[in-house]
Amino acid sequence: MVTNSMFMVTAIRTRKDTAVRVSKWLDKEIENYLTDKKIKIEFPSKRNFIDTAVLQLLEEKKVIKK
């Protein structure tokens, strides 16, 4: 039996995101925190939660302006 498959991949580079590594224990704690349905509405993903938390920290430290 011979399987012949071709994949055409086209990648459009529109996102300018950077991947950041997070400690496993911190990732697990965030996951546990986001399991609450009320919190899940406010933060639909871990990425959204982390972006919001870091943005708030930078605003408090006056690194960026609101």
C-alpha atoms as a PDB file:
ATOM      1  CA  MET A   1       0.000   0.000   0.000  1.00  0.00           C
ATOM      2  CA  VAL A   2       1.437   3.332  -1.060  1.00  0.00           C
ATOM      3  CA  THR A   3       0.164   6.596   0.291  1.00  0.00           C
ATOM      4  CA  ASN A   4       0.860   9.700  -1.683  1.00  0.00           C
ATOM      5  CA  SER A   5      -0.081  12.929  -0.049  1.00  0.00           C
ATOM      6  CA  MET A   6       0.898  16.471  -0.745  1.00  0.00           C
ATOM      7  CA  PHE A   7       0.432  19.346   1.599  1.00  0.00           C
ATOM      8  CA  MET A   8       0.355  22.901   0.431  1.00  0.00           C
ATOM      9  CA  VAL A   9       1.138  25.299   3.205  1.00  0.00           C
ATOM     10  CA  THR A  10       0.828  29.001   2.765  1.00  0.00           C
ATOM     11  CA  ALA A  11       1.787  31.182   5.655  1.00  0.00           C
ATOM     12  CA  ILE A  12       0.938  34.831   5.785  1.00  0.00           C
ATOM     13  CA  ARG A  13       3.015  36.598   8.374  1.00  0.00           C
ATOM     14  CA  THR A  14       0.564  39.132   9.768  1.00  0.00           C
ATOM     15  CA  ARG A  15       0.971  38.464  13.472  1.00  0.00           C
ATOM     16  CA  LYS A  16       3.861  40.075  15.279  1.00  0.00           C
ATOM     17  CA  ASP A  17       3.530  38.064  18.496  1.00  0.00           C
ATOM     18  CA  THR A  18       6.446  36.838  20.536  1.00  0.00           C
ATOM     19  CA  ALA A  19       6.399  33.571  22.414  1.00  0.00           C
ATOM     20  CA  VAL A  20       7.402  33.786  26.063  1.00  0.00           C
ATOM     21  CA  ARG A  21       8.142  30.786  28.235  1.00  0.00           C
ATOM     22  CA  VAL A  22       6.285  30.512  31.533  1.00  0.00           C
ATOM     23  CA  SER A  23       7.214  28.245  34.427  1.00  0.00           C
ATOM     24  CA  LYS A  24       5.191  25.044  34.580  1.00  0.00           C
ATOM     25  CA  TRP A  25       3.972  25.779  38.103  1.00  0.00           C
ATOM     26  CA  LEU A  26       2.827  29.272  37.065  1.00  0.00           C
ATOM     27  CA  ASP A  27       1.103  27.894  33.978  1.00  0.00           C
ATOM     28  CA  LYS A  28      -0.718  25.359  36.169  1.00  0.00           C
ATOM     29  CA  GLU A  29      -1.763  28.047  38.683  1.00  0.00           C
ATOM     30  CA  ILE A  30      -3.128  30.258  35.901  1.00  0.00           C
ATOM     31  CA  GLU A  31      -4.993  27.289  34.434  1.00  0.00           C
ATOM     32  CA  ASN A  32      -6.526  26.534  37.848  1.00  0.00           C
ATOM     33  CA  TYR A  33      -7.511  30.182  38.309  1.00  0.00           C
ATOM     34  CA  LEU A  34      -9.192  30.333  34.913  1.00  0.00           C
ATOM     35  CA  THR A  35     -11.366  27.268  35.531  1.00  0.00           C
ATOM     36  CA  ASP A  36     -13.886  29.433  37.393  1.00  0.00           C
ATOM     37  CA  LYS A  37     -16.691  30.274  34.934  1.00  0.00           C
ATOM     38  CA  LYS A  38     -17.009  33.890  36.140  1.00  0.00           C
ATOM     39  CA  ILE A  39     -13.310  34.500  35.581  1.00  0.00           C
ATOM     40  CA  LYS A  40     -13.384  32.655  32.256  1.00  0.00           C
ATOM     41  CA  ILE A  41     -15.831  35.280  30.953  1.00  0.00           C
ATOM     42  CA  GLU A  42     -13.431  38.085  31.846  1.00  0.00           C
ATOM     43  CA  PHE A  43     -10.342  36.208  30.621  1.00  0.00           C
ATOM     44  CA  PRO A  44     -11.281  33.754  27.864  1.00  0.00           C
ATOM     45  CA  SER A  45      -7.723  32.449  27.506  1.00  0.00           C
ATOM     46  CA  LYS A  46      -4.438  32.204  29.376  1.00  0.00           C
ATOM     47  CA  ARG A  47      -2.904  34.489  26.812  1.00  0.00           C
ATOM     48  CA  ASN A  48      -5.560  37.140  27.430  1.00  0.00           C
ATOM     49  CA  PHE A  49      -5.046  36.835  31.192  1.00  0.00           C
ATOM     50  CA  ILE A  50      -1.257  37.180  30.955  1.00  0.00           C
ATOM     51  CA  ASP A  51      -1.458  40.100  28.507  1.00  0.00           C
ATOM     52  CA  THR A  52      -3.851  41.925  30.837  1.00  0.00           C
ATOM     53  CA  ALA A  53      -1.745  41.213  33.932  1.00  0.00           C
ATOM     54  CA  VAL A  54       1.506  42.363  32.330  1.00  0.00           C
ATOM     55  CA  LEU A  55      -0.131  45.476  30.895  1.00  0.00           C
ATOM     56  CA  GLN A  56      -1.527  46.360  34.329  1.00  0.00           C
ATOM     57  CA  LEU A  57       1.893  45.830  35.950  1.00  0.00           C
ATOM     58  CA  LEU A  58       3.610  48.059  33.396  1.00  0.00           C
ATOM     59  CA  GLU A  59       0.997  50.770  33.927  1.00  0.00           C
ATOM     60  CA  GLU A  60       1.489  50.602  37.709  1.00  0.00           C
ATOM     61  CA  LYS A  61       5.270  50.878  37.285  1.00  0.00           C
ATOM     62  CA  LYS A  62       4.683  53.850  34.950  1.00  0.00           C
ATOM     63  CA  VAL A  63       6.555  52.127  32.150  1.00  0.00           C
ATOM     64  CA  ILE A  64       3.651  52.788  29.796  1.00  0.00           C
ATOM     65  CA  LYS A  65       0.813  55.294  29.944  1.00  0.00           C
ATOM     66  CA  LYS A  66      -2.881  54.437  29.869  1.00  0.00           C
END
